[in-house]
Amino acid sequence: RGAIIPIINLRRLLGLSPKRADADTRTIVVNVG
């Protein structure tokens, strides 16, 4: 909605193998500072 935000894959951030997105995949938009 007009704001450019980065998208972080938490699986990869936690050192886990990638997983193809499916119907259950969601993106949680968080405010950090």
Full PDB file with SEQRES, HELIX, SHEET, SSBOND, CRYST1, ORIGX, SCALE, CONECT and MASTER records, all heavy atoms in Angstrom:
SEQRES   1 A   33  ARG GLY ALA ILE ILE PRO ILE ILE ASN LEU ARG ARG LEU          
SEQRES   2 A   33  LEU GLY LEU SER PRO LYS ARG ALA ASP ALA ASP THR ARG          
SEQRES   3 A   33  THR ILE VAL VAL ASN VAL GLY                                  
HELIX    1 AA1 LEU A   10  LEU A   13  1                                   4    
CRYST1    1.000    1.000    1.000  90.00  90.00  90.00 P 1           1          
ORIGX1      1.000000  0.000000  0.000000        0.00000                         
ORIGX2      0.000000  1.000000  0.000000        0.00000                         
ORIGX3      0.000000  0.000000  1.000000        0.00000                         
SCALE1      1.000000  0.000000  0.000000        0.00000                         
SCALE2      0.000000  1.000000  0.000000        0.00000                         
SCALE3      0.000000  0.000000  1.000000        0.00000                         
ATOM      1  N   ARG A   1       0.822  -1.218   0.000  1.00  0.00           N  
ATOM      2  CA  ARG A   1       0.000   0.000   0.000  1.00  0.00           C  
ATOM      3  C   ARG A   1       0.854   1.265   0.000  1.00  0.00           C  
ATOM      4  O   ARG A   1       0.665   2.171   0.803  1.00  0.00           O  
ATOM      5  CB  ARG A   1      -0.970  -0.004   1.186  1.00  0.00           C  
ATOM      6  CG  ARG A   1      -2.047  -1.068   1.069  1.00  0.00           C  
ATOM      7  CD  ARG A   1      -3.054  -0.967   2.203  1.00  0.00           C  
ATOM      8  NE  ARG A   1      -2.385  -1.170   3.489  1.00  0.00           N  
ATOM      9  CZ  ARG A   1      -2.050  -2.371   3.960  1.00  0.00           C  
ATOM     10  NH1 ARG A   1      -2.324  -3.459   3.259  1.00  0.00           N  
ATOM     11  NH2 ARG A   1      -1.462  -2.486   5.129  1.00  0.00           N  
ATOM     12  N   GLY A   2       1.817   1.294  -0.906  1.00  0.00           N  
ATOM     13  CA  GLY A   2       2.639   2.484  -1.082  1.00  0.00           C  
ATOM     14  C   GLY A   2       3.938   2.487  -0.299  1.00  0.00           C  
ATOM     15  O   GLY A   2       4.802   3.332  -0.552  1.00  0.00           O  
ATOM     16  N   ALA A   3       4.099   1.569   0.629  1.00  0.00           N  
ATOM     17  CA  ALA A   3       5.330   1.488   1.412  1.00  0.00           C  
ATOM     18  C   ALA A   3       6.166   0.319   0.905  1.00  0.00           C  
ATOM     19  O   ALA A   3       5.670  -0.804   0.785  1.00  0.00           O  
ATOM     20  CB  ALA A   3       5.007   1.320   2.891  1.00  0.00           C  
ATOM     21  N   ILE A   4       7.417   0.563   0.594  1.00  0.00           N  
ATOM     22  CA  ILE A   4       8.327  -0.485   0.145  1.00  0.00           C  
ATOM     23  C   ILE A   4       8.972  -1.118   1.373  1.00  0.00           C  
ATOM     24  O   ILE A   4       9.667  -0.442   2.141  1.00  0.00           O  
ATOM     25  CB  ILE A   4       9.409   0.071  -0.791  1.00  0.00           C  
ATOM     26  CG1 ILE A   4       8.766   0.808  -1.972  1.00  0.00           C  
ATOM     27  CG2 ILE A   4      10.319  -1.043  -1.273  1.00  0.00           C  
ATOM     28  CD1 ILE A   4       7.866  -0.068  -2.818  1.00  0.00           C  
ATOM     29  N   ILE A   5       8.729  -2.416   1.569  1.00  0.00           N  
ATOM     30  CA  ILE A   5       9.272  -3.097   2.747  1.00  0.00           C  
ATOM     31  C   ILE A   5      10.065  -4.326   2.310  1.00  0.00           C  
ATOM     32  O   ILE A   5       9.741  -4.968   1.310  1.00  0.00           O  
ATOM     33  CB  ILE A   5       8.156  -3.513   3.730  1.00  0.00           C  
ATOM     34  CG1 ILE A   5       7.233  -4.565   3.097  1.00  0.00           C  
ATOM     35  CG2 ILE A   5       7.370  -2.300   4.195  1.00  0.00           C  
ATOM     36  CD1 ILE A   5       6.261  -5.181   4.087  1.00  0.00           C  
ATOM     37  N   PRO A   6      11.121  -4.658   3.057  1.00  0.00           N  
ATOM     38  CA  PRO A   6      11.883  -5.874   2.747  1.00  0.00           C  
ATOM     39  C   PRO A   6      11.117  -7.105   3.227  1.00  0.00           C  
ATOM     40  O   PRO A   6      10.375  -7.056   4.209  1.00  0.00           O  
ATOM     41  CB  PRO A   6      13.173  -5.691   3.535  1.00  0.00           C  
ATOM     42  CG  PRO A   6      12.787  -4.832   4.693  1.00  0.00           C  
ATOM     43  CD  PRO A   6      11.715  -3.907   4.167  1.00  0.00           C  
ATOM     44  N   ILE A   7      11.314  -8.225   2.537  1.00  0.00           N  
ATOM     45  CA  ILE A   7      10.684  -9.490   2.908  1.00  0.00           C  
ATOM     46  C   ILE A   7      11.781 -10.464   3.341  1.00  0.00           C  
ATOM     47  O   ILE A   7      12.668 -10.799   2.561  1.00  0.00           O  
ATOM     48  CB  ILE A   7       9.874 -10.085   1.737  1.00  0.00           C  
ATOM     49  CG1 ILE A   7       8.821  -9.084   1.239  1.00  0.00           C  
ATOM     50  CG2 ILE A   7       9.214 -11.389   2.174  1.00  0.00           C  
ATOM     51  CD1 ILE A   7       7.792  -8.691   2.284  1.00  0.00           C  
ATOM     52  N   ILE A   8      11.710 -10.887   4.585  1.00  0.00           N  
ATOM     53  CA  ILE A   8      12.693 -11.795   5.170  1.00  0.00           C  
ATOM     54  C   ILE A   8      12.108 -13.199   5.232  1.00  0.00           C  
ATOM     55  O   ILE A   8      10.989 -13.392   5.721  1.00  0.00           O  
ATOM     56  CB  ILE A   8      13.088 -11.346   6.597  1.00  0.00           C  
ATOM     57  CG1 ILE A   8      13.561  -9.897   6.601  1.00  0.00           C  
ATOM     58  CG2 ILE A   8      14.135 -12.279   7.183  1.00  0.00           C  
ATOM     59  CD1 ILE A   8      14.812  -9.651   5.824  1.00  0.00           C  
ATOM     60  N   ASN A   9      12.838 -14.171   4.731  1.00  0.00           N  
ATOM     61  CA  ASN A   9      12.410 -15.557   4.828  1.00  0.00           C  
ATOM     62  C   ASN A   9      12.942 -16.122   6.143  1.00  0.00           C  
ATOM     63  O   ASN A   9      14.143 -16.354   6.286  1.00  0.00           O  
ATOM     64  CB  ASN A   9      12.939 -16.356   3.641  1.00  0.00           C  
ATOM     65  CG  ASN A   9      12.377 -17.765   3.586  1.00  0.00           C  
ATOM     66  OD1 ASN A   9      12.485 -18.514   4.545  1.00  0.00           O  
ATOM     67  ND2 ASN A   9      11.776 -18.122   2.455  1.00  0.00           N  
ATOM     68  N   LEU A  10      12.053 -16.357   7.122  1.00  0.00           N  
ATOM     69  CA  LEU A  10      12.504 -16.800   8.432  1.00  0.00           C  
ATOM     70  C   LEU A  10      13.105 -18.200   8.401  1.00  0.00           C  
ATOM     71  O   LEU A  10      13.957 -18.531   9.224  1.00  0.00           O  
ATOM     72  CB  LEU A  10      11.347 -16.741   9.443  1.00  0.00           C  
ATOM     73  CG  LEU A  10      10.993 -15.361   9.997  1.00  0.00           C  
ATOM     74  CD1 LEU A  10      10.023 -15.487  11.164  1.00  0.00           C  
ATOM     75  CD2 LEU A  10      12.231 -14.575  10.419  1.00  0.00           C  
ATOM     76  N   ARG A  11      12.658 -19.045   7.463  1.00  0.00           N  
ATOM     77  CA  ARG A  11      13.276 -20.368   7.345  1.00  0.00           C  
ATOM     78  C   ARG A  11      14.773 -20.215   7.087  1.00  0.00           C  
ATOM     79  O   ARG A  11      15.612 -20.839   7.759  1.00  0.00           O  
ATOM     80  CB  ARG A  11      12.642 -21.165   6.202  1.00  0.00           C  
ATOM     81  CG  ARG A  11      11.262 -21.727   6.483  1.00  0.00           C  
ATOM     82  CD  ARG A  11      10.820 -22.607   5.321  1.00  0.00           C  
ATOM     83  NE  ARG A  11      11.661 -23.788   5.202  1.00  0.00           N  
ATOM     84  CZ  ARG A  11      11.355 -24.975   5.747  1.00  0.00           C  
ATOM     85  NH1 ARG A  11      10.235 -25.126   6.427  1.00  0.00           N  
ATOM     86  NH2 ARG A  11      12.158 -26.005   5.599  1.00  0.00           N  
ATOM     87  N   ARG A  12      15.121 -19.410   6.103  1.00  0.00           N  
ATOM     88  CA  ARG A  12      16.529 -19.235   5.754  1.00  0.00           C  
ATOM     89  C   ARG A  12      17.280 -18.492   6.851  1.00  0.00           C  
ATOM     90  O   ARG A  12      18.456 -18.786   7.124  1.00  0.00           O  
ATOM     91  CB  ARG A  12      16.640 -18.492   4.428  1.00  0.00           C  
ATOM     92  CG  ARG A  12      16.119 -19.306   3.252  1.00  0.00           C  
ATOM     93  CD  ARG A  12      16.279 -18.567   1.945  1.00  0.00           C  
ATOM     94  NE  ARG A  12      15.873 -19.388   0.812  1.00  0.00           N  
ATOM     95  CZ  ARG A  12      15.881 -18.978  -0.445  1.00  0.00           C  
ATOM     96  NH1 ARG A  12      16.279 -17.749  -0.726  1.00  0.00           N  
ATOM     97  NH2 ARG A  12      15.491 -19.787  -1.422  1.00  0.00           N  
ATOM     98  N   LEU A  13      16.622 -17.536   7.498  1.00  0.00           N  
ATOM     99  CA  LEU A  13      17.271 -16.793   8.572  1.00  0.00           C  
ATOM    100  C   LEU A  13      17.638 -17.717   9.728  1.00  0.00           C  
ATOM    101  O   LEU A  13      18.650 -17.516  10.400  1.00  0.00           O  
ATOM    102  CB  LEU A  13      16.356 -15.677   9.067  1.00  0.00           C  
ATOM    103  CG  LEU A  13      16.977 -14.671  10.040  1.00  0.00           C  
ATOM    104  CD1 LEU A  13      18.117 -13.916   9.385  1.00  0.00           C  
ATOM    105  CD2 LEU A  13      15.929 -13.714  10.572  1.00  0.00           C  
ATOM    106  N   LEU A  14      16.811 -18.759   9.945  1.00  0.00           N  
ATOM    107  CA  LEU A  14      17.075 -19.721  11.012  1.00  0.00           C  
ATOM    108  C   LEU A  14      17.968 -20.871  10.560  1.00  0.00           C  
ATOM    109  O   LEU A  14      18.172 -21.833  11.300  1.00  0.00           O  
ATOM    110  CB  LEU A  14      15.746 -20.270  11.552  1.00  0.00           C  
ATOM    111  CG  LEU A  14      14.817 -19.248  12.211  1.00  0.00           C  
ATOM    112  CD1 LEU A  14      13.530 -19.910  12.663  1.00  0.00           C  
ATOM    113  CD2 LEU A  14      15.511 -18.564  13.384  1.00  0.00           C  
ATOM    114  N   GLY A  15      18.470 -20.778   9.340  1.00  0.00           N  
ATOM    115  CA  GLY A  15      19.394 -21.785   8.861  1.00  0.00           C  
ATOM    116  C   GLY A  15      18.738 -23.043   8.345  1.00  0.00           C  
ATOM    117  O   GLY A  15      19.395 -24.081   8.221  1.00  0.00           O  
ATOM    118  N   LEU A  16      17.439 -22.982   8.016  1.00  0.00           N  
ATOM    119  CA  LEU A  16      16.716 -24.145   7.514  1.00  0.00           C  
ATOM    120  C   LEU A  16      16.680 -24.128   5.983  1.00  0.00           C  
ATOM    121  O   LEU A  16      16.844 -23.070   5.354  1.00  0.00           O  
ATOM    122  CB  LEU A  16      15.292 -24.169   8.067  1.00  0.00           C  
ATOM    123  CG  LEU A  16      15.187 -24.225   9.594  1.00  0.00           C  
ATOM    124  CD1 LEU A  16      13.745 -24.027  10.033  1.00  0.00           C  
ATOM    125  CD2 LEU A  16      15.721 -25.564  10.109  1.00  0.00           C  
ATOM    126  N   SER A  17      16.441 -25.282   5.386  1.00  0.00           N  
ATOM    127  CA  SER A  17      16.401 -25.375   3.931  1.00  0.00           C  
ATOM    128  C   SER A  17      15.169 -24.664   3.391  1.00  0.00           C  
ATOM    129  O   SER A  17      14.127 -24.604   4.055  1.00  0.00           O  
ATOM    130  CB  SER A  17      16.388 -26.843   3.499  1.00  0.00           C  
ATOM    131  OG  SER A  17      15.257 -27.513   4.044  1.00  0.00           O  
ATOM    132  N   PRO A  18      15.251 -24.106   2.183  1.00  0.00           N  
ATOM    133  CA  PRO A  18      14.115 -23.392   1.592  1.00  0.00           C  
ATOM    134  C   PRO A  18      12.924 -24.326   1.376  1.00  0.00           C  
ATOM    135  O   PRO A  18      13.065 -25.540   1.261  1.00  0.00           O  
ATOM    136  CB  PRO A  18      14.665 -22.881   0.264  1.00  0.00           C  
ATOM    137  CG  PRO A  18      16.157 -22.938   0.405  1.00  0.00           C  
ATOM    138  CD  PRO A  18      16.442 -24.084   1.321  1.00  0.00           C  
ATOM    139  N   LYS A  19      11.750 -23.743   1.312  1.00  0.00           N  
ATOM    140  CA  LYS A  19      10.524 -24.481   1.053  1.00  0.00           C  
ATOM    141  C   LYS A  19       9.676 -23.665   0.090  1.00  0.00           C  
ATOM    142  O   LYS A  19       9.505 -22.453   0.256  1.00  0.00           O  
ATOM    143  CB  LYS A  19       9.760 -24.716   2.363  1.00  0.00           C  
ATOM    144  CG  LYS A  19       8.396 -25.378   2.213  1.00  0.00           C  
ATOM    145  CD  LYS A  19       7.761 -25.580   3.591  1.00  0.00           C  
ATOM    146  CE  LYS A  19       6.368 -26.182   3.490  1.00  0.00           C  
ATOM    147  NZ  LYS A  19       5.392 -25.230   2.911  1.00  0.00           N  
ATOM    148  N   ARG A  20       9.161 -24.341  -0.927  1.00  0.00           N  
ATOM    149  CA  ARG A  20       8.340 -23.640  -1.912  1.00  0.00           C  
ATOM    150  C   ARG A  20       7.066 -23.121  -1.257  1.00  0.00           C  
ATOM    151  O   ARG A  20       6.429 -23.825  -0.463  1.00  0.00           O  
ATOM    152  CB  ARG A  20       7.991 -24.574  -3.064  1.00  0.00           C  
ATOM    153  CG  ARG A  20       7.202 -23.887  -4.193  1.00  0.00           C  
ATOM    154  CD  ARG A  20       6.850 -24.896  -5.261  1.00  0.00           C  
ATOM    155  NE  ARG A  20       8.043 -25.430  -5.893  1.00  0.00           N  
ATOM    156  CZ  ARG A  20       8.663 -24.845  -6.907  1.00  0.00           C  
ATOM    157  NH1 ARG A  20       8.200 -23.715  -7.414  1.00  0.00           N  
ATOM    158  NH2 ARG A  20       9.732 -25.414  -7.446  1.00  0.00           N  
ATOM    159  N   ALA A  21       6.695 -21.900  -1.573  1.00  0.00           N  
ATOM    160  CA  ALA A  21       5.479 -21.313  -1.013  1.00  0.00           C  
ATOM    161  C   ALA A  21       4.252 -22.109  -1.456  1.00  0.00           C  
ATOM    162  O   ALA A  21       4.181 -22.592  -2.586  1.00  0.00           O  
ATOM    163  CB  ALA A  21       5.347 -19.855  -1.437  1.00  0.00           C  
ATOM    164  N   ASP A  22       3.293 -22.246  -0.530  1.00  0.00           N  
ATOM    165  CA  ASP A  22       2.057 -22.951  -0.862  1.00  0.00           C  
ATOM    166  C   ASP A  22       0.869 -22.169  -0.305  1.00  0.00           C  
ATOM    167  O   ASP A  22       1.016 -21.004   0.079  1.00  0.00           O  
ATOM    168  CB  ASP A  22       2.086 -24.380  -0.324  1.00  0.00           C  
ATOM    169  CG  ASP A  22       2.351 -24.454   1.175  1.00  0.00           C  
ATOM    170  OD1 ASP A  22       2.001 -23.493   1.892  1.00  0.00           O  
ATOM    171  OD2 ASP A  22       2.892 -25.472   1.642  1.00  0.00           O  
ATOM    172  N   ALA A  23      -0.289 -22.799  -0.250  1.00  0.00           N  
ATOM    173  CA  ALA A  23      -1.508 -22.109   0.172  1.00  0.00           C  
ATOM    174  C   ALA A  23      -1.457 -21.672   1.625  1.00  0.00           C  
ATOM    175  O   ALA A  23      -2.193 -20.764   2.034  1.00  0.00           O  
ATOM    176  CB  ALA A  23      -2.725 -23.012  -0.062  1.00  0.00           C  
ATOM    177  N   ASP A  24      -0.603 -22.298   2.426  1.00  0.00           N  
ATOM    178  CA  ASP A  24      -0.512 -21.950   3.843  1.00  0.00           C  
ATOM    179  C   ASP A  24       0.513 -20.864   4.133  1.00  0.00           C  
ATOM    180  O   ASP A  24       0.519 -20.295   5.231  1.00  0.00           O  
ATOM    181  CB  ASP A  24      -0.165 -23.190   4.666  1.00  0.00           C  
ATOM    182  CG  ASP A  24      -1.270 -24.229   4.670  1.00  0.00           C  
ATOM    183  OD1 ASP A  24      -2.459 -23.823   4.634  1.00  0.00           O  
ATOM    184  OD2 ASP A  24      -0.956 -25.434   4.694  1.00  0.00           O  
ATOM    185  N   THR A  25       1.388 -20.588   3.189  1.00  0.00           N  
ATOM    186  CA  THR A  25       2.455 -19.610   3.410  1.00  0.00           C  
ATOM    187  C   THR A  25       1.873 -18.225   3.679  1.00  0.00           C  
ATOM    188  O   THR A  25       0.964 -17.772   2.990  1.00  0.00           O  
ATOM    189  CB  THR A  25       3.383 -19.545   2.191  1.00  0.00           C  
ATOM    190  OG1 THR A  25       3.914 -20.850   1.929  1.00  0.00           O  
ATOM    191  CG2 THR A  25       4.535 -18.579   2.437  1.00  0.00           C  
ATOM    192  N   ARG A  26       2.402 -17.569   4.698  1.00  0.00           N  
ATOM    193  CA  ARG A  26       1.952 -16.222   5.044  1.00  0.00           C  
ATOM    194  C   ARG A  26       3.159 -15.328   5.302  1.00  0.00           C  
ATOM    195  O   ARG A  26       4.253 -15.803   5.615  1.00  0.00           O  
ATOM    196  CB  ARG A  26       1.068 -16.232   6.291  1.00  0.00           C  
ATOM    197  CG  ARG A  26      -0.260 -16.955   6.137  1.00  0.00           C  
ATOM    198  CD  ARG A  26      -1.199 -16.215   5.189  1.00  0.00           C  
ATOM    199  NE  ARG A  26      -2.508 -16.849   5.109  1.00  0.00           N  
ATOM    200  CZ  ARG A  26      -2.814 -17.860   4.311  1.00  0.00           C  
ATOM    201  NH1 ARG A  26      -1.874 -18.359   3.511  1.00  0.00           N  
ATOM    202  NH2 ARG A  26      -4.032 -18.374   4.279  1.00  0.00           N  
ATOM    203  N   THR A  27       2.944 -14.022   5.183  1.00  0.00           N  
ATOM    204  CA  THR A  27       3.955 -13.041   5.530  1.00  0.00           C  
ATOM    205  C   THR A  27       3.434 -12.205   6.683  1.00  0.00           C  
ATOM    206  O   THR A  27       2.378 -11.578   6.577  1.00  0.00           O  
ATOM    207  CB  THR A  27       4.303 -12.139   4.333  1.00  0.00           C  
ATOM    208  OG1 THR A  27       4.851 -12.945   3.273  1.00  0.00           O  
ATOM    209  CG2 THR A  27       5.317 -11.079   4.729  1.00  0.00           C  
ATOM    210  N   ILE A  28       4.157 -12.240   7.790  1.00  0.00           N  
ATOM    211  CA  ILE A  28       3.797 -11.463   8.974  1.00  0.00           C  
ATOM    212  C   ILE A  28       4.530 -10.126   8.895  1.00  0.00           C  
ATOM    213  O   ILE A  28       5.763 -10.085   8.883  1.00  0.00           O  
ATOM    214  CB  ILE A  28       4.176 -12.205  10.263  1.00  0.00           C  
ATOM    215  CG1 ILE A  28       3.529 -13.591  10.301  1.00  0.00           C  
ATOM    216  CG2 ILE A  28       3.776 -11.395  11.489  1.00  0.00           C  
ATOM    217  CD1 ILE A  28       3.939 -14.430  11.498  1.00  0.00           C  
ATOM    218  N   VAL A  29       3.781  -9.047   8.814  1.00  0.00           N  
ATOM    219  CA  VAL A  29       4.372  -7.709   8.739  1.00  0.00           C  
ATOM    220  C   VAL A  29       4.582  -7.213  10.162  1.00  0.00           C  
ATOM    221  O   VAL A  29       3.626  -7.081  10.933  1.00  0.00           O  
ATOM    222  CB  VAL A  29       3.478  -6.745   7.948  1.00  0.00           C  
ATOM    223  CG1 VAL A  29       4.132  -5.363   7.869  1.00  0.00           C  
ATOM    224  CG2 VAL A  29       3.220  -7.293   6.542  1.00  0.00           C  
ATOM    225  N   VAL A  30       5.846  -6.987  10.516  1.00  0.00           N  
ATOM    226  CA  VAL A  30       6.182  -6.619  11.887  1.00  0.00           C  
ATOM    227  C   VAL A  30       6.806  -5.230  11.933  1.00  0.00           C  
ATOM    228  O   VAL A  30       7.386  -4.751  10.949  1.00  0.00           O  
ATOM    229  CB  VAL A  30       7.151  -7.639  12.521  1.00  0.00           C  
ATOM    230  CG1 VAL A  30       6.508  -9.010  12.601  1.00  0.00           C  
ATOM    231  CG2 VAL A  30       8.462  -7.729  11.734  1.00  0.00           C  
ATOM    232  N   ASN A  31       6.675  -4.602  13.080  1.00  0.00           N  
ATOM    233  CA  ASN A  31       7.302  -3.314  13.334  1.00  0.00           C  
ATOM    234  C   ASN A  31       8.429  -3.522  14.339  1.00  0.00           C  
ATOM    235  O   ASN A  31       8.192  -3.970  15.461  1.00  0.00           O  
ATOM    236  CB  ASN A  31       6.280  -2.320  13.892  1.00  0.00           C  
ATOM    237  CG  ASN A  31       5.176  -2.028  12.889  1.00  0.00           C  
ATOM    238  OD1 ASN A  31       5.446  -1.719  11.737  1.00  0.00           O  
ATOM    239  ND2 ASN A  31       3.933  -2.112  13.324  1.00  0.00           N  
ATOM    240  N   VAL A  32       9.638  -3.217  13.918  1.00  0.00           N  
ATOM    241  CA  VAL A  32      10.812  -3.350  14.770  1.00  0.00           C  
ATOM    242  C   VAL A  32      11.446  -1.967  14.877  1.00  0.00           C  
ATOM    243  O   VAL A  32      12.088  -1.498  13.938  1.00  0.00           O  
ATOM    244  CB  VAL A  32      11.814  -4.367  14.196  1.00  0.00           C  
ATOM    245  CG1 VAL A  32      13.025  -4.493  15.110  1.00  0.00           C  
ATOM    246  CG2 VAL A  32      11.156  -5.725  14.002  1.00  0.00           C  
ATOM    247  N   GLY A  33      11.250  -1.322  16.010  1.00  0.00           N  
ATOM    248  CA  GLY A  33      11.692   0.055  16.138  1.00  0.00           C  
ATOM    249  C   GLY A  33      10.946   0.931  15.143  1.00  0.00           C  
ATOM    250  O   GLY A  33       9.718   0.912  15.075  1.00  0.00           O  
TER     251      GLY A  33                                                      
MASTER        0    0    0    1    0    0    0    6  250    1    0    3          
END                                                                             
